[in-house]
Amino acid sequence: MEYTPEELLRQLIRFDTSNPPGNERECIEFIANYLQEAGIEAKILARDPARPNLLARLKGQSGRSPLLLYGHVDVVPALEENWTYPPFSGHSDGECVWGRGALDMKGGVAMMLCALVSARKKELPLPSDVLLCLVSDEEEFGEFGAAYLAAEHAHEFKNIRYAISEFGGFTLYVGGKKFYPIEVAQKQKCAIKATVRGQSGHGSSLARDGAMAKLGKMLQILNSSQCPVHITPAVRLMFSAMADALPFPTNFIMRQLLNPKRTDFILKLLGAKGEVFVPMFHNTVNATMVRGGNKINVIPGEVEARMDARLLPGCTDEDVLAELRGLLDDGVELESLLYDAGPAEPDMGLFDTLAGILEEMDPEGIPIPLLLTASSDARFFSKLGIQTYGFIPMQLPPEMNFSRTIHSVDERIPVTSLRFGMHALIEAMLRYR
């Protein structure tokens, strides 16, 4: 059976692959069977049988470097009682498919699968092999998915230079213009532990300037301050391209963002719209977990906070620790717990090809490079020398905010976006050189 992207997405959403715990096996097996019926052999590789990964290859006409398409089938959890339609029902109202993973990223997986099956059945003349990789565990740490494959099965990705995955190609409206941001770089993932200490004692005593107070002061500084401005190559490409397409005075404002002496002033001037751009110019650090005390009548002598840091390309964990030390008191001890390094500069070799596809499919749209302020499995494949492009094209209506719909209640994707993305991916496979 050959599904439309809408039909296939509805099937995929009905597998509850909330991570944690994941339970991706049935979903991966369904996809493997679907590919098998279409005449495409699939290979299963797993660190844990309950959390497998799938590889499938469609042969091209030459021995050139293959194109990698990859995505993940796990999703973030959903609270069912808050949804218009049950989050794992795969409901379609004719205009949108609703459910957890519709955008992140079972919608993209459906586009890839339908593009691959269509190419196989129509015997399209693909210039190079296309390798499809669908993984588990992207929404957590990737240890059962992309991290495992990159470390233990690197030979499967031999000679691959470019990959297509999440996220980019969706519509973004700025200054009355329609842009298609194509992700060429993303921020790096880092986890930091901050420890503060003070005098412990009985809960009935008068406590001043103890560990809890120091923690509160630290959190207040993080809430009211930010790390220094950095203008990275990807951001310079992105905002220069936007400025080239926009009229005065918006183009002038966009160019001023690239002057580090004026960046923060312009971001503040832009108000709520500027808040979207802030993480593109700064390393960000958010306290997400606090640990301290073990009894209500004991004043703790030590409290720690765990912080989620997202680093700009070219910055290291030592760089952000130095920036934090410049903001916080000397009494705060900082330690890097995790740092997934990524490339400092993007390889733009495939950008023009992907941009040309979108320009032809929607002449009103303007493709631009994008720095993604989150991180994805691209960080693992980059260790194999693979440049990932976020290219899951979606024509979204102006009233639909992509970043606010993803991971949220009532996550959904327009049916027209699924079809648009599938055709764009077919073109990418055909034009890849």
Protein backbone atom coordinates (compact mmCIF):
# COMPACT_ATOMS: atom_id res chain seq x y z
CA MET A 1 0.00 0.00 0.00
CA GLU A 2 1.28 3.46 -0.91
CA TYR A 3 0.25 6.15 1.57
CA THR A 4 -0.12 9.85 0.98
CA PRO A 5 2.01 11.90 3.41
CA GLU A 6 -1.17 12.73 5.36
CA GLU A 7 -2.21 9.08 5.68
CA LEU A 8 1.27 7.96 6.66
CA LEU A 9 1.66 10.68 9.28
CA ARG A 10 -1.64 9.68 10.88
CA GLN A 11 -0.36 6.11 11.16
CA LEU A 12 2.95 7.24 12.67
CA ILE A 13 1.33 9.50 15.26
CA ARG A 14 -0.76 6.57 16.54
CA PHE A 15 2.41 4.93 17.84
CA ASP A 16 2.98 6.46 21.27
CA THR A 17 6.74 6.95 21.18
CA SER A 18 6.89 9.47 24.02
CA ASN A 19 10.46 9.80 25.24
CA PRO A 20 10.97 8.89 27.97
CA PRO A 21 10.67 5.93 27.70
CA GLY A 22 10.58 5.85 23.88
CA ASN A 23 9.17 2.43 22.94
CA GLU A 24 10.00 3.11 19.31
CA ARG A 25 10.19 -0.55 18.21
CA GLU A 26 6.64 -0.96 16.85
CA CYS A 27 6.88 2.30 14.92
CA ILE A 28 10.23 1.34 13.37
CA GLU A 29 8.90 -2.14 12.50
CA PHE A 30 5.87 -0.58 10.80
CA ILE A 31 8.17 1.63 8.71
CA ALA A 32 10.43 -1.30 7.83
CA ASN A 33 7.43 -3.29 6.59
CA TYR A 34 6.17 -0.32 4.60
CA LEU A 35 9.54 0.04 2.88
CA GLN A 36 9.74 -3.71 2.27
CA GLU A 37 6.37 -3.66 0.49
CA ALA A 38 7.70 -0.86 -1.72
CA GLY A 39 10.76 -2.92 -2.65
CA ILE A 40 13.22 -1.08 -0.40
CA GLU A 41 15.29 -3.21 1.97
CA ALA A 42 15.70 -1.90 5.50
CA LYS A 43 18.38 -2.73 8.06
CA ILE A 44 17.75 -2.55 11.81
CA LEU A 45 20.59 -1.55 14.15
CA ALA A 46 19.96 -1.33 17.89
CA ARG A 47 21.81 -0.86 21.13
CA ASP A 48 18.55 -1.87 22.85
CA PRO A 49 16.02 -4.05 20.94
CA ALA A 50 13.18 -1.90 22.30
CA ARG A 51 14.78 1.20 20.80
CA PRO A 52 15.95 0.33 17.29
CA ASN A 53 17.17 2.44 14.38
CA LEU A 54 16.50 1.90 10.67
CA LEU A 55 18.73 2.29 7.63
CA ALA A 56 17.51 1.96 4.04
CA ARG A 57 19.36 2.74 0.81
CA LEU A 58 17.95 3.68 -2.58
CA LYS A 59 20.53 3.19 -5.31
CA GLY A 60 21.50 6.02 -7.61
CA GLN A 61 23.12 6.12 -11.02
CA SER A 62 26.66 6.86 -9.90
CA GLY A 63 29.12 6.12 -7.14
CA ARG A 64 29.19 9.73 -5.98
CA SER A 65 28.82 10.69 -2.36
CA PRO A 66 25.40 9.54 -1.09
CA LEU A 67 22.81 11.96 0.25
CA LEU A 68 21.71 11.21 3.81
CA LEU A 69 18.12 11.81 4.90
CA TYR A 70 17.61 11.29 8.62
CA GLY A 71 14.96 11.86 11.25
CA HIS A 72 13.66 10.56 14.56
CA VAL A 73 10.46 8.77 15.51
CA ASP A 74 10.43 9.52 19.24
CA VAL A 75 8.42 12.48 20.51
CA VAL A 76 8.16 14.54 23.68
CA PRO A 77 5.37 13.52 26.10
CA ALA A 78 1.85 14.97 25.85
CA LEU A 79 -0.82 15.71 28.44
CA GLU A 80 -3.91 14.27 26.79
CA GLU A 81 -6.54 16.21 28.76
CA ASN A 82 -5.42 19.58 27.37
CA TRP A 83 -5.70 18.72 23.68
CA THR A 84 -8.53 19.51 21.25
CA TYR A 85 -8.06 15.98 19.86
CA PRO A 86 -6.25 13.11 21.64
CA PRO A 87 -2.53 13.59 20.96
CA PHE A 88 -1.98 10.05 19.66
CA SER A 89 -5.17 9.73 17.61
CA GLY A 90 -3.67 11.08 14.37
CA HIS A 91 -6.81 13.15 13.83
CA SER A 92 -7.24 14.92 10.49
CA ASP A 93 -9.84 17.62 9.93
CA GLY A 94 -9.02 17.82 6.23
CA GLU A 95 -6.82 20.90 6.68
CA CYS A 96 -4.36 19.73 9.33
CA VAL A 97 -3.12 16.50 10.88
CA TRP A 98 -3.17 16.88 14.67
CA GLY A 99 -1.07 15.07 17.24
CA ARG A 100 2.21 14.82 19.07
CA GLY A 101 5.01 14.69 16.57
CA ALA A 102 3.08 16.27 13.70
CA LEU A 103 5.85 18.87 13.43
CA ASP A 104 8.64 17.28 15.48
CA MET A 105 9.25 15.23 13.58
CA LYS A 106 6.93 12.52 12.35
CA GLY A 107 5.64 14.94 9.75
CA GLY A 108 9.16 15.21 8.34
CA VAL A 109 9.60 11.44 8.55
CA ALA A 110 6.37 10.96 6.57
CA MET A 111 7.67 13.36 3.91
CA MET A 112 10.97 11.47 3.65
CA LEU A 113 9.32 8.05 3.46
CA CYS A 114 6.81 9.13 0.82
CA ALA A 115 9.57 10.81 -1.22
CA LEU A 116 11.70 7.66 -1.07
CA VAL A 117 8.84 5.29 -1.96
CA SER A 118 7.68 7.57 -4.78
CA ALA A 119 11.20 7.68 -6.22
CA ARG A 120 11.43 3.89 -6.04
CA LYS A 121 8.06 3.21 -7.66
CA LYS A 122 8.54 5.79 -10.42
CA GLU A 123 12.14 4.63 -10.94
CA LEU A 124 13.34 8.23 -10.84
CA PRO A 125 16.92 8.72 -12.13
CA LEU A 126 18.63 9.61 -8.86
CA PRO A 127 22.18 10.87 -9.49
CA SER A 128 23.50 9.39 -6.23
CA ASP A 129 22.49 6.88 -3.59
CA VAL A 130 20.07 8.12 -0.95
CA LEU A 131 20.52 6.72 2.55
CA LEU A 132 17.53 7.00 4.87
CA CYS A 133 18.25 6.82 8.60
CA LEU A 134 15.43 6.88 11.16
CA VAL A 135 16.47 6.85 14.79
CA SER A 136 15.21 6.57 18.34
CA ASP A 137 16.03 8.77 21.32
CA GLU A 138 16.59 12.18 19.72
CA GLU A 139 14.41 13.90 22.32
CA GLU A 140 16.69 12.76 25.15
CA PHE A 141 20.43 12.16 24.71
CA GLY A 142 20.66 10.13 21.50
CA GLU A 143 22.52 7.33 23.26
CA PHE A 144 20.20 4.70 21.74
CA GLY A 145 19.97 6.50 18.41
CA ALA A 146 22.30 8.81 16.49
CA ALA A 147 25.08 8.82 19.10
CA TYR A 148 25.13 5.02 19.05
CA LEU A 149 25.15 4.86 15.23
CA ALA A 150 27.91 7.46 14.86
CA ALA A 151 30.08 5.70 17.42
CA GLU A 152 29.46 2.03 16.61
CA HIS A 153 28.38 2.01 12.94
CA ALA A 154 30.27 4.90 11.38
CA HIS A 155 31.07 2.74 8.33
CA GLU A 156 27.39 2.89 7.32
CA PHE A 157 27.89 6.61 6.61
CA LYS A 158 31.12 6.32 4.66
CA ASN A 159 31.77 9.03 2.04
CA ILE A 160 28.68 11.03 3.04
CA ARG A 161 29.25 14.78 3.03
CA TYR A 162 25.74 16.26 3.19
CA ALA A 163 22.56 15.37 5.04
CA ILE A 164 19.00 16.66 5.20
CA SER A 165 17.04 16.59 8.43
CA GLU A 166 15.22 18.87 10.89
CA PHE A 167 14.64 21.88 11.03
CA GLY A 168 14.28 24.50 8.34
CA GLY A 169 12.40 25.29 5.16
CA PHE A 170 9.31 26.48 7.04
CA THR A 171 7.88 29.91 6.28
CA LEU A 172 8.91 32.92 8.37
CA TYR A 173 7.24 36.29 7.86
CA VAL A 174 9.31 39.41 8.57
CA GLY A 175 8.63 42.97 7.39
CA GLY A 176 5.90 41.83 5.01
CA LYS A 177 8.21 39.35 3.30
CA LYS A 178 8.03 35.56 3.26
CA PHE A 179 11.32 33.85 4.08
CA TYR A 180 12.31 30.18 4.05
CA PRO A 181 15.10 29.72 6.62
CA ILE A 182 17.29 26.72 5.78
CA GLU A 183 19.28 25.55 8.78
CA VAL A 184 23.02 25.52 8.11
CA ALA A 185 24.25 25.62 11.73
CA GLN A 186 22.95 25.08 15.23
CA LYS A 187 23.89 25.88 18.78
CA GLN A 188 25.88 23.40 20.82
CA LYS A 189 24.54 21.58 23.85
CA CYS A 190 26.18 22.08 27.23
CA ALA A 191 25.17 21.22 30.80
CA ILE A 192 26.63 23.18 33.72
CA LYS A 193 26.56 22.64 37.47
CA ALA A 194 26.69 25.65 39.79
CA THR A 195 27.40 25.07 43.48
CA VAL A 196 27.05 27.60 46.31
CA ARG A 197 27.96 27.05 49.96
CA GLY A 198 27.12 28.66 53.28
CA GLN A 199 26.82 28.02 56.99
CA SER A 200 24.55 25.10 57.83
CA GLY A 201 22.50 25.00 60.99
CA HIS A 202 19.20 24.40 62.74
CA GLY A 203 16.11 25.61 60.94
CA SER A 204 15.07 27.73 63.93
CA SER A 205 18.22 29.87 63.83
CA LEU A 206 18.52 33.20 62.04
CA ALA A 207 20.08 32.50 58.64
CA ARG A 208 21.58 35.31 56.55
CA ASP A 209 23.65 35.05 53.40
CA GLY A 210 23.55 31.24 53.46
CA ALA A 211 23.63 28.86 50.52
CA MET A 212 19.94 29.41 49.73
CA ALA A 213 20.36 33.19 49.67
CA LYS A 214 23.42 32.92 47.46
CA LEU A 215 21.50 30.67 45.09
CA GLY A 216 18.66 33.19 44.94
CA LYS A 217 21.10 35.98 44.11
CA MET A 218 22.70 33.84 41.41
CA LEU A 219 19.34 33.07 39.81
CA GLN A 220 18.38 36.74 39.88
CA ILE A 221 21.61 37.67 38.08
CA LEU A 222 20.91 35.03 35.41
CA ASN A 223 17.38 36.39 35.05
CA SER A 224 18.49 40.00 34.55
CA SER A 225 21.79 39.57 32.68
CA GLN A 226 23.11 37.80 29.60
CA CYS A 227 26.37 36.68 28.10
CA PRO A 228 28.26 38.92 25.62
CA VAL A 229 27.29 39.36 21.96
CA HIS A 230 28.91 37.13 19.33
CA ILE A 231 28.41 37.55 15.57
CA THR A 232 28.90 34.08 14.11
CA PRO A 233 29.35 33.32 10.38
CA ALA A 234 25.89 31.68 10.13
CA VAL A 235 24.15 34.67 11.74
CA ARG A 236 26.02 37.10 9.52
CA LEU A 237 24.84 35.16 6.46
CA MET A 238 21.27 34.99 7.76
CA PHE A 239 20.75 38.65 8.63
CA SER A 240 22.65 39.94 5.61
CA ALA A 241 20.33 37.89 3.37
CA MET A 242 17.26 39.22 5.17
CA ALA A 243 18.52 42.80 4.90
CA ASP A 244 19.11 42.37 1.16
CA ALA A 245 15.45 41.41 0.70
CA LEU A 246 13.78 43.96 2.99
CA PRO A 247 12.97 47.64 2.33
CA PHE A 248 14.22 50.59 4.36
CA PRO A 249 14.19 51.06 7.35
CA THR A 250 13.84 47.35 8.20
CA ASN A 251 16.93 46.44 6.17
CA PHE A 252 18.95 49.07 8.06
CA ILE A 253 17.82 47.62 11.39
CA MET A 254 18.79 44.11 10.32
CA ARG A 255 22.28 45.27 9.37
CA GLN A 256 22.69 47.09 12.68
CA LEU A 257 22.12 43.80 14.47
CA LEU A 258 25.43 42.66 13.00
CA ASN A 259 27.30 45.47 14.77
CA PRO A 260 28.12 44.00 18.20
CA LYS A 261 28.17 47.46 19.75
CA ARG A 262 24.55 47.99 18.74
CA THR A 263 23.12 44.46 18.76
CA ASP A 264 21.56 44.50 22.22
CA PHE A 265 20.13 48.00 21.74
CA ILE A 266 18.44 46.96 18.48
CA LEU A 267 17.15 43.71 19.99
CA LYS A 268 15.58 45.68 22.85
CA LEU A 269 14.14 48.17 20.38
CA LEU A 270 12.44 45.32 18.49
CA GLY A 271 10.62 44.21 21.65
CA ALA A 272 8.86 40.84 21.46
CA LYS A 273 10.04 40.29 17.88
CA GLY A 274 13.61 40.83 18.97
CA GLU A 275 13.35 38.21 21.70
CA VAL A 276 13.23 35.53 19.00
CA PHE A 277 16.65 36.66 17.75
CA VAL A 278 18.38 37.08 21.14
CA PRO A 279 19.67 33.45 21.35
CA MET A 280 21.23 33.84 17.90
CA PHE A 281 23.65 36.45 19.25
CA HIS A 282 24.30 35.16 22.77
CA ASN A 283 25.28 32.01 24.57
CA THR A 284 22.24 31.28 26.74
CA VAL A 285 22.15 29.68 30.19
CA ASN A 286 18.94 28.66 31.95
CA ALA A 287 18.72 27.11 35.42
CA THR A 288 16.48 24.06 35.07
CA MET A 289 17.09 22.00 38.23
CA VAL A 290 17.85 22.90 41.85
CA ARG A 291 19.08 20.48 44.53
CA GLY A 292 19.68 21.31 48.17
CA GLY A 293 18.67 20.36 51.66
CA ASN A 294 17.47 17.03 52.96
CA LYS A 295 15.30 18.01 55.95
CA ILE A 296 12.92 20.88 56.56
CA ASN A 297 14.47 21.87 59.91
CA VAL A 298 18.08 21.85 58.68
CA ILE A 299 19.63 24.84 56.92
CA PRO A 300 21.66 23.35 54.05
CA GLY A 301 25.34 24.14 53.78
CA GLU A 302 25.43 23.42 50.07
CA VAL A 303 22.98 23.95 47.19
CA GLU A 304 23.48 23.29 43.49
CA ALA A 305 21.72 24.28 40.31
CA ARG A 306 21.89 22.40 37.01
CA MET A 307 21.82 24.67 33.99
CA ASP A 308 21.05 24.13 30.32
CA ALA A 309 23.50 26.13 28.25
CA ARG A 310 23.30 26.53 24.48
CA LEU A 311 26.52 27.71 22.90
CA LEU A 312 27.03 29.51 19.63
CA PRO A 313 29.16 27.81 16.97
CA GLY A 314 32.82 28.46 17.68
CA CYS A 315 32.34 28.81 21.45
CA THR A 316 33.40 26.10 23.90
CA ASP A 317 32.23 25.15 27.37
CA GLU A 318 35.29 26.90 28.79
CA ASP A 319 34.22 30.07 26.97
CA VAL A 320 30.76 30.08 28.52
CA LEU A 321 32.14 29.26 31.97
CA ALA A 322 34.40 32.32 31.66
CA GLU A 323 31.43 34.45 30.60
CA LEU A 324 29.40 33.25 33.59
CA ARG A 325 32.25 33.93 36.00
CA GLY A 326 32.23 37.49 34.70
CA LEU A 327 28.56 37.80 35.68
CA LEU A 328 28.35 35.84 38.95
CA ASP A 329 29.96 36.24 42.36
CA ASP A 330 33.26 34.52 43.10
CA GLY A 331 31.49 32.21 45.58
CA VAL A 332 29.70 30.33 42.79
CA GLU A 333 31.60 27.21 41.71
CA LEU A 334 30.97 26.25 38.08
CA GLU A 335 31.57 22.93 36.37
CA SER A 336 30.86 21.69 32.85
CA LEU A 337 29.01 18.36 32.99
CA LEU A 338 28.39 17.80 29.28
CA TYR A 339 29.53 19.48 26.09
CA ASP A 340 28.64 18.31 22.59
CA ALA A 341 30.98 20.24 20.32
CA GLY A 342 29.90 21.14 16.80
CA PRO A 343 31.62 22.77 13.80
CA ALA A 344 32.47 26.47 14.06
CA GLU A 345 31.45 27.28 10.49
CA PRO A 346 28.92 25.68 8.11
CA ASP A 347 29.73 24.04 4.80
CA MET A 348 27.47 25.94 2.39
CA GLY A 349 28.08 23.64 -0.60
CA LEU A 350 24.47 22.39 -0.85
CA PHE A 351 22.70 25.59 0.12
CA ASP A 352 22.17 27.02 -3.38
CA THR A 353 20.65 23.74 -4.59
CA LEU A 354 18.12 23.64 -1.76
CA ALA A 355 17.39 27.36 -2.04
CA GLY A 356 16.76 26.98 -5.77
CA ILE A 357 14.15 24.29 -5.12
CA LEU A 358 12.18 26.56 -2.81
CA GLU A 359 12.49 29.53 -5.16
CA GLU A 360 10.95 27.47 -7.96
CA MET A 361 8.20 25.96 -5.79
CA ASP A 362 7.26 29.31 -4.25
CA PRO A 363 8.57 32.33 -6.22
CA GLU A 364 7.30 34.67 -3.47
CA GLY A 365 9.53 32.99 -0.87
CA ILE A 366 13.08 34.03 -0.09
CA PRO A 367 15.46 31.28 1.13
CA ILE A 368 17.96 32.39 3.79
CA PRO A 369 20.52 30.56 5.96
CA LEU A 370 19.40 29.81 9.53
CA LEU A 371 21.22 29.30 12.82
CA LEU A 372 19.02 26.97 14.85
CA THR A 373 19.09 28.01 18.50
CA ALA A 374 18.45 24.44 19.67
CA SER A 375 20.44 21.30 18.93
CA SER A 376 19.57 18.03 17.21
CA ASP A 377 21.17 14.78 16.11
CA ALA A 378 23.22 16.86 13.66
CA ARG A 379 25.81 17.19 16.44
CA PHE A 380 26.55 13.46 16.27
CA PHE A 381 26.73 13.24 12.48
CA SER A 382 28.99 16.30 12.37
CA LYS A 383 31.61 14.17 14.14
CA LEU A 384 31.64 12.02 10.98
CA GLY A 385 32.29 15.08 8.81
CA ILE A 386 28.67 15.36 7.67
CA GLN A 387 27.09 18.80 7.21
CA THR A 388 23.37 18.72 8.01
CA TYR A 389 20.89 21.06 6.39
CA GLY A 390 17.61 21.65 8.17
CA PHE A 391 15.30 21.23 5.19
CA ILE A 392 11.81 20.00 5.99
CA PRO A 393 9.93 22.48 3.79
CA MET A 394 6.51 23.62 5.00
CA GLN A 395 4.26 26.35 3.67
CA LEU A 396 2.68 27.60 6.87
CA PRO A 397 -0.01 30.28 7.15
CA PRO A 398 1.14 33.61 8.68
CA GLU A 399 -0.98 33.02 11.79
CA MET A 400 0.77 29.71 12.56
CA ASN A 401 3.90 30.23 14.65
CA PHE A 402 6.21 27.28 14.05
CA SER A 403 8.30 27.62 17.21
CA ARG A 404 5.24 27.99 19.45
CA THR A 405 3.34 25.06 17.90
CA ILE A 406 6.17 22.55 18.14
CA HIS A 407 6.21 20.55 21.42
CA SER A 408 3.01 22.33 22.47
CA VAL A 409 -0.59 21.35 23.07
CA ASP A 410 -2.47 20.98 19.76
CA GLU A 411 0.68 20.36 17.72
CA ARG A 412 -0.42 20.05 14.10
CA ILE A 413 0.70 20.45 10.50
CA PRO A 414 -1.25 21.56 7.42
CA VAL A 415 -1.86 18.79 4.87
CA THR A 416 -0.60 21.11 2.13
CA SER A 417 2.69 21.46 4.01
CA LEU A 418 3.18 17.70 3.99
CA ARG A 419 2.72 17.52 0.24
CA PHE A 420 4.91 20.58 -0.33
CA GLY A 421 7.70 19.05 1.74
CA MET A 422 7.50 15.67 0.04
CA HIS A 423 7.87 17.22 -3.44
CA ALA A 424 10.74 19.43 -2.25
CA LEU A 425 12.60 16.37 -0.92
CA ILE A 426 12.07 14.50 -4.20
CA GLU A 427 13.63 17.47 -6.00
CA ALA A 428 16.53 17.49 -3.55
CA MET A 429 17.24 13.82 -4.30
CA LEU A 430 17.07 14.45 -8.04
CA ARG A 431 19.32 17.54 -7.99
CA TYR A 432 21.92 16.30 -5.53
CA ARG A 433 25.40 16.17 -7.06
